[in-house]
Structures are given as C-alpha cells and as structure tokens.
Amino acid sequence: MKHFAKTMVAAALLVGAGSANAAIEKNGGGLNEAYLSAYDITTGKTFTLDTGVTYNDLVANVSNTNYSLNFDLSALTNWTSFITGANTSKIKYAVAVGNSVDFGAAITGNAPLAVTQSILFGIDVSSGIENHAIDINSRVANVTSQNLSTLALDSDSAGTGQHANAASVWGTWIQDPQANYGDAVGFQLGVLDQNTGDNIASTFVGQWKLAGNSLTFTAPPVASVPLPAAVWMFGAGLMGVLRLNRRKSLAV
C-alpha cells in the first residue's frame, strides 16, 4: 500500500485566510480542492469546509509516508452555528474531491473499491462531487479568492450545499463515503487512464477524523516489512548449531 509522506499543518488554510485561486470546484480538473461536508439530521444543518488541498496535491504525495493535516474549526462562525444544539451522535460527514478532467476522485469510505468497480472513480463519482461543490460555491460571492466554509439548512433553496443523502450527492454507487462524528474514516484515491478507463491507482492514503472542533488527516503507519522465509530458516539453523555446540561442550 502506498502512503502519504509530506508533513503539512493546514490550519492556516482555513476560511478567510485569503489564499489565492482557492475553490472546491475551480475548473473540473486537478485544481479542485477537497472539502468536508458534515450533516446533522436532527437540525437539518450542513456544514462544509474547503480544505485548500487539491486533487493534484493528493496525487503528488501519494507515495509519501508522513503527511498530516489539522484544521481548527473553533473560530469559524459557521461551525459554531452548526455544532451548537447538534446531536453529535447523529452527525455524518464525508471528505471528497472530484476530477472529471482526469477521471479521478479522492473520497472517504472504509470499503475499498475493487478493480472491477474502478469506473466508480470515473465520471459518475467525480462529476457528482463536482456538482455538489458547485452547489456549495453558490453560497459565496467570490469562490476563487478564498478558502470557504458554508452553512446550509434543509429548508433552504435546493442545490445550495445541503449534504442530503450521500448516494444522491456523490452519485449512485456502492460505497457510502460517510463516517460518524468522532470516528476516523479511510480516504482513498482513484485515478483512471483517460484512454482505456483502466484503474491505474486505487489506494487508501490515510484517514480523516472529525471530532471535537477539529478536522484532522493522518497517514496510516508504515507497515512492517516481513522478513523473507530464508532469513527465518537461516536463523533457525544457526540456533540449532549453537545448541548442538553447547551440548558437545557440556558433554566434554
């Protein structure tokens, strides 16, 4: 499994930071930025956050091993309005970014997509994510000059950023990208070959966690590399020789 490896603290990328060219749906391609969508079914509120991390960023760092993000939400008015009075046991969230130009997507969800389901990382999912991003962007005046957060109500006009049902927001497909508030959820990246449609990259690259007043991303720990069988055999043989020599010395 490939892992992220570039350490990055992203609290400075929060709403109002004034970062240029920031938009969760900028051009339908690799400059689209990953966003958090959190929903409380009891209040009918949806909170969204532009992370400032682009699809291209994710692809560029997929083989790294020490990548982390930390977003402090406590100073955001939209977050305060969302979490106040919310039933945290009913909050669902997802993190996603779509790239319909390059036929790819990065999405939360602990169920890995098999190669036979690779098309789900194509136009269906990436366009679904982009369309939701456009809805979110519609709530702000200038979406290309700042990272943003939004707050939408179920009672607001349709298509203005509501989280709604995950299947309808991110396309009709097998995987549910949602996690429960307080739980970590896997984040996987999919890239398809534009000519053949073959899945050329599909891997879990870390975990997102929405808990307390923060959103964090951590790369999975580097898996220990098992020793080759020959090494174990050599070790076992060496121990056997040492035992035999010890017995001989005792006999003498």
C-alpha atoms as a PDB file:
ATOM      1  CA  MET A   1       0.000   0.000   0.000  1.00  0.00           C
ATOM      2  CA  LYS A   2       1.274   3.449  -0.835  1.00  0.00           C
ATOM      3  CA  HIS A   3       1.232   6.153   1.804  1.00  0.00           C
ATOM      4  CA  PHE A   4       1.422   9.923   2.089  1.00  0.00           C
ATOM      5  CA  ALA A   5       4.660  11.323   3.407  1.00  0.00           C
ATOM      6  CA  LYS A   6       4.875  15.093   3.454  1.00  0.00           C
ATOM      7  CA  THR A   7       4.185  16.705   6.819  1.00  0.00           C
ATOM      8  CA  MET A   8       1.792  19.624   6.477  1.00  0.00           C
ATOM      9  CA  VAL A   9      -0.123  21.543   9.114  1.00  0.00           C
ATOM     10  CA  ALA A  10      -3.030  23.172   7.330  1.00  0.00           C
ATOM     11  CA  ALA A  11      -4.732  25.287   9.964  1.00  0.00           C
ATOM     12  CA  ALA A  12      -3.642  28.354   8.020  1.00  0.00           C
ATOM     13  CA  LEU A  13      -5.724  27.221   5.083  1.00  0.00           C
ATOM     14  CA  LEU A  14      -8.988  27.818   6.898  1.00  0.00           C
ATOM     15  CA  VAL A  15     -11.776  30.097   5.790  1.00  0.00           C
ATOM     16  CA  GLY A  16     -10.833  33.715   5.480  1.00  0.00           C
ATOM     17  CA  ALA A  17      -7.145  33.012   5.043  1.00  0.00           C
ATOM     18  CA  GLY A  18      -7.226  34.847   1.725  1.00  0.00           C
ATOM     19  CA  SER A  19      -5.416  32.179  -0.238  1.00  0.00           C
ATOM     20  CA  ALA A  20      -5.486  32.881  -3.965  1.00  0.00           C
ATOM     21  CA  ASN A  21      -7.115  30.589  -6.510  1.00  0.00           C
ATOM     22  CA  ALA A  22      -8.923  28.551  -3.883  1.00  0.00           C
ATOM     23  CA  ALA A  23     -12.152  26.837  -4.781  1.00  0.00           C
ATOM     24  CA  ILE A  24     -13.554  23.399  -4.146  1.00  0.00           C
ATOM     25  CA  GLU A  25     -14.745  23.381  -7.762  1.00  0.00           C
ATOM     26  CA  LYS A  26     -12.420  25.529  -9.826  1.00  0.00           C
ATOM     27  CA  ASN A  27     -12.128  24.071 -13.303  1.00  0.00           C
ATOM     28  CA  GLY A  28     -13.334  20.475 -13.151  1.00  0.00           C
ATOM     29  CA  GLY A  29      -9.759  19.220 -13.011  1.00  0.00           C
ATOM     30  CA  GLY A  30      -6.808  18.723 -10.721  1.00  0.00           C
ATOM     31  CA  LEU A  31      -7.070  22.143  -9.056  1.00  0.00           C
ATOM     32  CA  ASN A  32     -10.370  21.211  -7.422  1.00  0.00           C
ATOM     33  CA  GLU A  33      -9.961  21.238  -3.655  1.00  0.00           C
ATOM     34  CA  ALA A  34     -11.043  18.565  -1.197  1.00  0.00           C
ATOM     35  CA  TYR A  35     -13.909  19.589   1.052  1.00  0.00           C
ATOM     36  CA  LEU A  36     -15.579  18.427   4.233  1.00  0.00           C
ATOM     37  CA  SER A  37     -19.365  18.022   4.257  1.00  0.00           C
ATOM     38  CA  ALA A  38     -20.925  17.400   7.681  1.00  0.00           C
ATOM     39  CA  TYR A  39     -24.642  16.903   8.298  1.00  0.00           C
ATOM     40  CA  ASP A  40     -26.773  16.788  11.452  1.00  0.00           C
ATOM     41  CA  ILE A  41     -30.076  15.103  10.678  1.00  0.00           C
ATOM     42  CA  THR A  42     -31.682  16.403  13.891  1.00  0.00           C
ATOM     43  CA  THR A  43     -31.221  20.088  12.986  1.00  0.00           C
ATOM     44  CA  GLY A  44     -31.110  19.720   9.211  1.00  0.00           C
ATOM     45  CA  LYS A  45     -27.869  21.697   9.048  1.00  0.00           C
ATOM     46  CA  THR A  46     -24.978  21.074   6.649  1.00  0.00           C
ATOM     47  CA  PHE A  47     -21.516  22.478   7.332  1.00  0.00           C
ATOM     48  CA  THR A  48     -18.922  22.462   4.575  1.00  0.00           C
ATOM     49  CA  LEU A  49     -15.248  23.412   4.610  1.00  0.00           C
ATOM     50  CA  ASP A  50     -12.822  23.915   1.765  1.00  0.00           C
ATOM     51  CA  THR A  51      -9.552  22.323   2.925  1.00  0.00           C
ATOM     52  CA  GLY A  52      -7.376  24.029   0.308  1.00  0.00           C
ATOM     53  CA  VAL A  53      -5.822  20.657  -0.587  1.00  0.00           C
ATOM     54  CA  THR A  54      -6.124  19.988  -4.310  1.00  0.00           C
ATOM     55  CA  TYR A  55      -6.611  16.725  -6.143  1.00  0.00           C
ATOM     56  CA  ASN A  56      -3.177  17.289  -7.687  1.00  0.00           C
ATOM     57  CA  ASP A  57      -1.705  17.654  -4.186  1.00  0.00           C
ATOM     58  CA  LEU A  58      -3.068  14.239  -3.269  1.00  0.00           C
ATOM     59  CA  VAL A  59      -1.731  12.584  -6.401  1.00  0.00           C
ATOM     60  CA  ALA A  60       1.683  14.228  -5.997  1.00  0.00           C
ATOM     61  CA  ASN A  61       2.031  12.986  -2.406  1.00  0.00           C
ATOM     62  CA  VAL A  62       0.540   9.537  -2.697  1.00  0.00           C
ATOM     63  CA  SER A  63       3.883   7.771  -2.324  1.00  0.00           C
ATOM     64  CA  ASN A  64       4.969   9.822   0.687  1.00  0.00           C
ATOM     65  CA  THR A  65       4.844   8.454   4.237  1.00  0.00           C
ATOM     66  CA  ASN A  66       4.390  11.262   6.776  1.00  0.00           C
ATOM     67  CA  TYR A  67       1.567  13.543   5.721  1.00  0.00           C
ATOM     68  CA  SER A  68      -0.746  15.252   8.228  1.00  0.00           C
ATOM     69  CA  LEU A  69      -3.372  17.997   8.260  1.00  0.00           C
ATOM     70  CA  ASN A  70      -5.009  19.781  11.160  1.00  0.00           C
ATOM     71  CA  PHE A  71      -7.933  22.193  10.765  1.00  0.00           C
ATOM     72  CA  ASP A  72      -9.097  24.117  13.829  1.00  0.00           C
ATOM     73  CA  LEU A  73     -12.800  24.830  13.341  1.00  0.00           C
ATOM     74  CA  SER A  74     -13.448  26.521  16.680  1.00  0.00           C
ATOM     75  CA  ALA A  75     -13.088  30.099  15.375  1.00  0.00           C
ATOM     76  CA  LEU A  76     -15.480  29.616  12.447  1.00  0.00           C
ATOM     77  CA  THR A  77     -18.917  31.167  12.837  1.00  0.00           C
ATOM     78  CA  ASN A  78     -20.480  28.604  10.515  1.00  0.00           C
ATOM     79  CA  TRP A  79     -19.048  25.748  12.556  1.00  0.00           C
ATOM     80  CA  THR A  80     -20.261  27.270  15.827  1.00  0.00           C
ATOM     81  CA  SER A  81     -23.754  27.606  14.348  1.00  0.00           C
ATOM     82  CA  PHE A  82     -23.602  24.019  13.129  1.00  0.00           C
ATOM     83  CA  ILE A  83     -22.344  22.328  16.278  1.00  0.00           C
ATOM     84  CA  THR A  84     -24.446  24.359  18.732  1.00  0.00           C
ATOM     85  CA  GLY A  85     -27.527  22.319  19.567  1.00  0.00           C
ATOM     86  CA  ALA A  86     -26.418  19.469  17.289  1.00  0.00           C
ATOM     87  CA  ASN A  87     -26.883  15.834  18.227  1.00  0.00           C
ATOM     88  CA  THR A  88     -23.319  14.650  17.745  1.00  0.00           C
ATOM     89  CA  SER A  89     -24.435  11.021  17.701  1.00  0.00           C
ATOM     90  CA  LYS A  90     -26.418  11.809  14.539  1.00  0.00           C
ATOM     91  CA  ILE A  91     -23.774  13.777  12.638  1.00  0.00           C
ATOM     92  CA  LYS A  92     -22.459  12.193   9.450  1.00  0.00           C
ATOM     93  CA  TYR A  93     -19.535  13.545   7.476  1.00  0.00           C
ATOM     94  CA  ALA A  94     -17.559  12.907   4.310  1.00  0.00           C
ATOM     95  CA  VAL A  95     -14.478  14.351   2.631  1.00  0.00           C
ATOM     96  CA  ALA A  96     -14.245  14.324  -1.145  1.00  0.00           C
ATOM     97  CA  VAL A  97     -12.668  15.878  -4.216  1.00  0.00           C
ATOM     98  CA  GLY A  98     -13.568  15.135  -7.834  1.00  0.00           C
ATOM     99  CA  ASN A  99     -11.598  15.477 -11.057  1.00  0.00           C
ATOM    100  CA  SER A 100     -13.721  14.774 -14.115  1.00  0.00           C
ATOM    101  CA  VAL A 101     -10.990  16.020 -16.477  1.00  0.00           C
ATOM    102  CA  ASP A 102      -8.592  13.277 -15.401  1.00  0.00           C
ATOM    103  CA  PHE A 103     -11.292  10.742 -14.454  1.00  0.00           C
ATOM    104  CA  GLY A 104     -10.436  10.519 -10.801  1.00  0.00           C
ATOM    105  CA  ALA A 105     -11.661  11.152  -7.285  1.00  0.00           C
ATOM    106  CA  ALA A 106     -10.495  11.021  -3.687  1.00  0.00           C
ATOM    107  CA  ILE A 107     -13.214  10.047  -1.229  1.00  0.00           C
ATOM    108  CA  THR A 108     -13.766   8.811   2.307  1.00  0.00           C
ATOM    109  CA  GLY A 109     -15.099   5.334   2.974  1.00  0.00           C
ATOM    110  CA  ASN A 110     -13.710   2.245   4.663  1.00  0.00           C
ATOM    111  CA  ALA A 111     -14.864  -0.197   1.989  1.00  0.00           C
ATOM    112  CA  PRO A 112     -12.212  -0.399  -0.748  1.00  0.00           C
ATOM    113  CA  LEU A 113     -13.322  -0.354  -4.355  1.00  0.00           C
ATOM    114  CA  ALA A 114     -12.287  -3.438  -6.286  1.00  0.00           C
ATOM    115  CA  VAL A 115     -10.694  -3.181  -9.719  1.00  0.00           C
ATOM    116  CA  THR A 116     -13.960  -4.331 -11.289  1.00  0.00           C
ATOM    117  CA  GLN A 117     -15.577  -1.267  -9.730  1.00  0.00           C
ATOM    118  CA  SER A 118     -12.882   1.134 -10.942  1.00  0.00           C
ATOM    119  CA  ILE A 119     -15.332   3.012 -13.161  1.00  0.00           C
ATOM    120  CA  LEU A 120     -16.807   4.365  -9.938  1.00  0.00           C
ATOM    121  CA  PHE A 121     -13.768   6.598  -9.742  1.00  0.00           C
ATOM    122  CA  GLY A 122     -14.647   7.972 -13.164  1.00  0.00           C
ATOM    123  CA  ILE A 123     -17.169  10.481 -14.445  1.00  0.00           C
ATOM    124  CA  ASP A 124     -20.064   9.316 -12.264  1.00  0.00           C
ATOM    125  CA  VAL A 125     -18.416   9.966  -8.915  1.00  0.00           C
ATOM    126  CA  SER A 126     -16.088  12.801  -9.899  1.00  0.00           C
ATOM    127  CA  SER A 127     -18.916  14.717 -11.569  1.00  0.00           C
ATOM    128  CA  GLY A 128     -21.220  14.072  -8.609  1.00  0.00           C
ATOM    129  CA  ILE A 129     -18.613  15.516  -6.254  1.00  0.00           C
ATOM    130  CA  GLU A 130     -18.020  18.491  -8.554  1.00  0.00           C
ATOM    131  CA  ASN A 131     -21.729  19.215  -8.847  1.00  0.00           C
ATOM    132  CA  HIS A 132     -22.049  19.247  -5.063  1.00  0.00           C
ATOM    133  CA  ALA A 133     -19.028  21.563  -4.898  1.00  0.00           C
ATOM    134  CA  ILE A 134     -20.733  23.933  -7.340  1.00  0.00           C
ATOM    135  CA  ASP A 135     -23.798  23.965  -5.083  1.00  0.00           C
ATOM    136  CA  ILE A 136     -21.597  24.857  -2.108  1.00  0.00           C
ATOM    137  CA  ASN A 137     -19.793  27.552  -4.087  1.00  0.00           C
ATOM    138  CA  SER A 138     -23.139  29.123  -4.999  1.00  0.00           C
ATOM    139  CA  ARG A 139     -23.490  30.350  -1.415  1.00  0.00           C
ATOM    140  CA  VAL A 140     -20.481  32.688  -1.580  1.00  0.00           C
ATOM    141  CA  ALA A 141     -19.791  35.679  -3.814  1.00  0.00           C
ATOM    142  CA  ASN A 142     -16.145  35.113  -4.733  1.00  0.00           C
ATOM    143  CA  VAL A 143     -15.139  31.465  -4.682  1.00  0.00           C
ATOM    144  CA  THR A 144     -11.761  31.842  -6.392  1.00  0.00           C
ATOM    145  CA  SER A 145     -10.066  34.177  -3.901  1.00  0.00           C
ATOM    146  CA  GLN A 146     -10.576  32.473  -0.545  1.00  0.00           C
ATOM    147  CA  ASN A 147     -10.988  29.167   1.165  1.00  0.00           C
ATOM    148  CA  LEU A 148     -14.518  28.960   2.454  1.00  0.00           C
ATOM    149  CA  SER A 149     -16.984  27.404   4.821  1.00  0.00           C
ATOM    150  CA  THR A 150     -20.728  27.407   4.358  1.00  0.00           C
ATOM    151  CA  LEU A 151     -23.805  26.565   6.375  1.00  0.00           C
ATOM    152  CA  ALA A 152     -26.939  25.281   4.654  1.00  0.00           C
ATOM    153  CA  LEU A 153     -30.318  24.241   6.001  1.00  0.00           C
ATOM    154  CA  ASP A 154     -32.606  21.562   4.620  1.00  0.00           C
ATOM    155  CA  SER A 155     -35.227  24.305   4.366  1.00  0.00           C
ATOM    156  CA  ASP A 156     -33.020  26.487   2.132  1.00  0.00           C
ATOM    157  CA  SER A 157     -33.409  26.531  -1.619  1.00  0.00           C
ATOM    158  CA  ALA A 158     -32.415  23.206  -3.141  1.00  0.00           C
ATOM    159  CA  GLY A 159     -28.939  22.915  -4.592  1.00  0.00           C
ATOM    160  CA  THR A 160     -27.224  25.301  -2.204  1.00  0.00           C
ATOM    161  CA  GLY A 161     -24.888  22.896  -0.461  1.00  0.00           C
ATOM    162  CA  GLN A 162     -27.102  20.520   1.518  1.00  0.00           C
ATOM    163  CA  HIS A 163     -25.413  17.235   2.433  1.00  0.00           C
ATOM    164  CA  ALA A 164     -28.632  15.254   1.932  1.00  0.00           C
ATOM    165  CA  ASN A 165     -28.380  11.553   1.161  1.00  0.00           C
ATOM    166  CA  ALA A 166     -24.821  10.509   0.323  1.00  0.00           C
ATOM    167  CA  ALA A 167     -25.903   8.326  -2.568  1.00  0.00           C
ATOM    168  CA  SER A 168     -27.701  11.217  -4.276  1.00  0.00           C
ATOM    169  CA  VAL A 169     -24.956  13.755  -3.566  1.00  0.00           C
ATOM    170  CA  TRP A 170     -21.973  11.717  -4.747  1.00  0.00           C
ATOM    171  CA  GLY A 171     -23.689   9.570  -7.366  1.00  0.00           C
ATOM    172  CA  THR A 172     -25.487   6.229  -7.337  1.00  0.00           C
ATOM    173  CA  TRP A 173     -22.793   3.736  -6.398  1.00  0.00           C
ATOM    174  CA  ILE A 174     -21.917   1.040  -3.923  1.00  0.00           C
ATOM    175  CA  GLN A 175     -19.660   2.789  -1.435  1.00  0.00           C
ATOM    176  CA  ASP A 176     -21.057   5.071   1.282  1.00  0.00           C
ATOM    177  CA  PRO A 177     -18.456   7.837   1.833  1.00  0.00           C
ATOM    178  CA  GLN A 178     -19.868   8.892   5.210  1.00  0.00           C
ATOM    179  CA  ALA A 179     -18.445   8.423   8.699  1.00  0.00           C
ATOM    180  CA  ASN A 180     -19.885   9.143  12.131  1.00  0.00           C
ATOM    181  CA  TYR A 181     -18.750  12.243  14.002  1.00  0.00           C
ATOM    182  CA  GLY A 182     -15.843  11.224  16.234  1.00  0.00           C
ATOM    183  CA  ASP A 183     -14.851   8.283  14.056  1.00  0.00           C
ATOM    184  CA  ALA A 184     -11.879   8.090  11.706  1.00  0.00           C
ATOM    185  CA  VAL A 185     -12.632   7.023   8.160  1.00  0.00           C
ATOM    186  CA  GLY A 186     -10.329   5.771   5.422  1.00  0.00           C
ATOM    187  CA  PHE A 187      -9.525   8.061   2.492  1.00  0.00           C
ATOM    188  CA  GLN A 188      -8.820   6.514  -0.877  1.00  0.00           C
ATOM    189  CA  LEU A 189      -7.583   7.936  -4.141  1.00  0.00           C
ATOM    190  CA  GLY A 190      -8.648   6.697  -7.555  1.00  0.00           C
ATOM    191  CA  VAL A 191      -7.143   7.616 -10.907  1.00  0.00           C
ATOM    192  CA  LEU A 192      -8.295   6.220 -14.246  1.00  0.00           C
ATOM    193  CA  ASP A 193      -6.454   6.064 -17.547  1.00  0.00           C
ATOM    194  CA  GLN A 194      -8.222   8.537 -19.837  1.00  0.00           C
ATOM    195  CA  ASN A 195      -7.811   6.325 -22.905  1.00  0.00           C
ATOM    196  CA  THR A 196      -8.612   2.870 -21.586  1.00  0.00           C
ATOM    197  CA  GLY A 197     -10.634   3.599 -18.454  1.00  0.00           C
ATOM    198  CA  ASP A 198      -8.398   1.196 -16.524  1.00  0.00           C
ATOM    199  CA  ASN A 199      -7.801   1.908 -12.855  1.00  0.00           C
ATOM    200  CA  ILE A 200      -4.142   2.952 -12.637  1.00  0.00           C
ATOM    201  CA  ALA A 201      -4.200   3.943  -8.946  1.00  0.00           C
ATOM    202  CA  SER A 202      -6.637   2.983  -6.218  1.00  0.00           C
ATOM    203  CA  THR A 203      -5.329   3.009  -2.713  1.00  0.00           C
ATOM    204  CA  PHE A 204      -6.103   4.092   0.826  1.00  0.00           C
ATOM    205  CA  VAL A 205      -3.889   7.052   1.580  1.00  0.00           C
ATOM    206  CA  GLY A 206      -4.775   7.818   5.190  1.00  0.00           C
ATOM    207  CA  GLN A 207      -7.650   8.702   7.488  1.00  0.00           C
ATOM    208  CA  TRP A 208      -9.827  11.736   8.105  1.00  0.00           C
ATOM    209  CA  LYS A 209     -11.355  12.350  11.519  1.00  0.00           C
ATOM    210  CA  LEU A 210     -13.942  14.960  12.500  1.00  0.00           C
ATOM    211  CA  ALA A 211     -14.054  15.202  16.289  1.00  0.00           C
ATOM    212  CA  GLY A 212     -14.377  17.977  18.837  1.00  0.00           C
ATOM    213  CA  ASN A 213     -13.756  21.213  16.963  1.00  0.00           C
ATOM    214  CA  SER A 214     -11.176  19.919  14.539  1.00  0.00           C
ATOM    215  CA  LEU A 215     -10.754  18.025  11.294  1.00  0.00           C
ATOM    216  CA  THR A 216      -7.543  16.038  11.005  1.00  0.00           C
ATOM    217  CA  PHE A 217      -5.856  13.876   8.425  1.00  0.00           C
ATOM    218  CA  THR A 218      -3.212  11.328   9.292  1.00  0.00           C
ATOM    219  CA  ALA A 219      -1.321   8.934   7.071  1.00  0.00           C
ATOM    220  CA  PRO A 220      -1.504   5.268   8.060  1.00  0.00           C
ATOM    221  CA  PRO A 221       1.572   3.922   9.861  1.00  0.00           C
ATOM    222  CA  VAL A 222       4.204   2.346   7.680  1.00  0.00           C
ATOM    223  CA  ALA A 223       3.554  -1.390   7.642  1.00  0.00           C
ATOM    224  CA  SER A 224       6.370  -3.555   8.967  1.00  0.00           C
ATOM    225  CA  VAL A 225       8.102  -5.479   6.205  1.00  0.00           C
ATOM    226  CA  PRO A 226       8.038  -9.248   6.897  1.00  0.00           C
ATOM    227  CA  LEU A 227      11.392 -10.958   6.843  1.00  0.00           C
ATOM    228  CA  PRO A 228      11.927 -13.364   3.939  1.00  0.00           C
ATOM    229  CA  ALA A 229      11.465 -17.053   4.724  1.00  0.00           C
ATOM    230  CA  ALA A 230      15.139 -17.684   4.006  1.00  0.00           C
ATOM    231  CA  VAL A 231      16.127 -15.351   6.847  1.00  0.00           C
ATOM    232  CA  TRP A 232      13.891 -17.233   9.294  1.00  0.00           C
ATOM    233  CA  MET A 233      15.369 -20.558   8.101  1.00  0.00           C
ATOM    234  CA  PHE A 234      18.893 -19.237   8.472  1.00  0.00           C
ATOM    235  CA  GLY A 235      18.140 -18.012  11.988  1.00  0.00           C
ATOM    236  CA  ALA A 236      16.555 -21.309  12.987  1.00  0.00           C
ATOM    237  CA  GLY A 237      19.524 -23.220  11.580  1.00  0.00           C
ATOM    238  CA  LEU A 238      22.007 -21.003  13.391  1.00  0.00           C
ATOM    239  CA  MET A 239      20.200 -21.528  16.690  1.00  0.00           C
ATOM    240  CA  GLY A 240      20.300 -25.282  16.090  1.00  0.00           C
ATOM    241  CA  VAL A 241      24.062 -25.226  15.531  1.00  0.00           C
ATOM    242  CA  LEU A 242      24.601 -23.181  18.681  1.00  0.00           C
ATOM    243  CA  ARG A 243      22.532 -25.626  20.738  1.00  0.00           C
ATOM    244  CA  LEU A 244      24.482 -28.588  19.307  1.00  0.00           C
ATOM    245  CA  ASN A 245      27.837 -26.967  20.098  1.00  0.00           C
ATOM    246  CA  ARG A 246      26.646 -26.184  23.640  1.00  0.00           C
ATOM    247  CA  ARG A 247      25.641 -29.831  24.197  1.00  0.00           C
ATOM    248  CA  LYS A 248      29.033 -31.041  22.965  1.00  0.00           C
ATOM    249  CA  SER A 249      30.883 -28.660  25.271  1.00  0.00           C
ATOM    250  CA  LEU A 250      28.788 -29.832  28.235  1.00  0.00           C
ATOM    251  CA  ALA A 251      29.453 -33.471  27.378  1.00  0.00           C
ATOM    252  CA  VAL A 252      33.175 -32.867  27.449  1.00  0.00           C
END
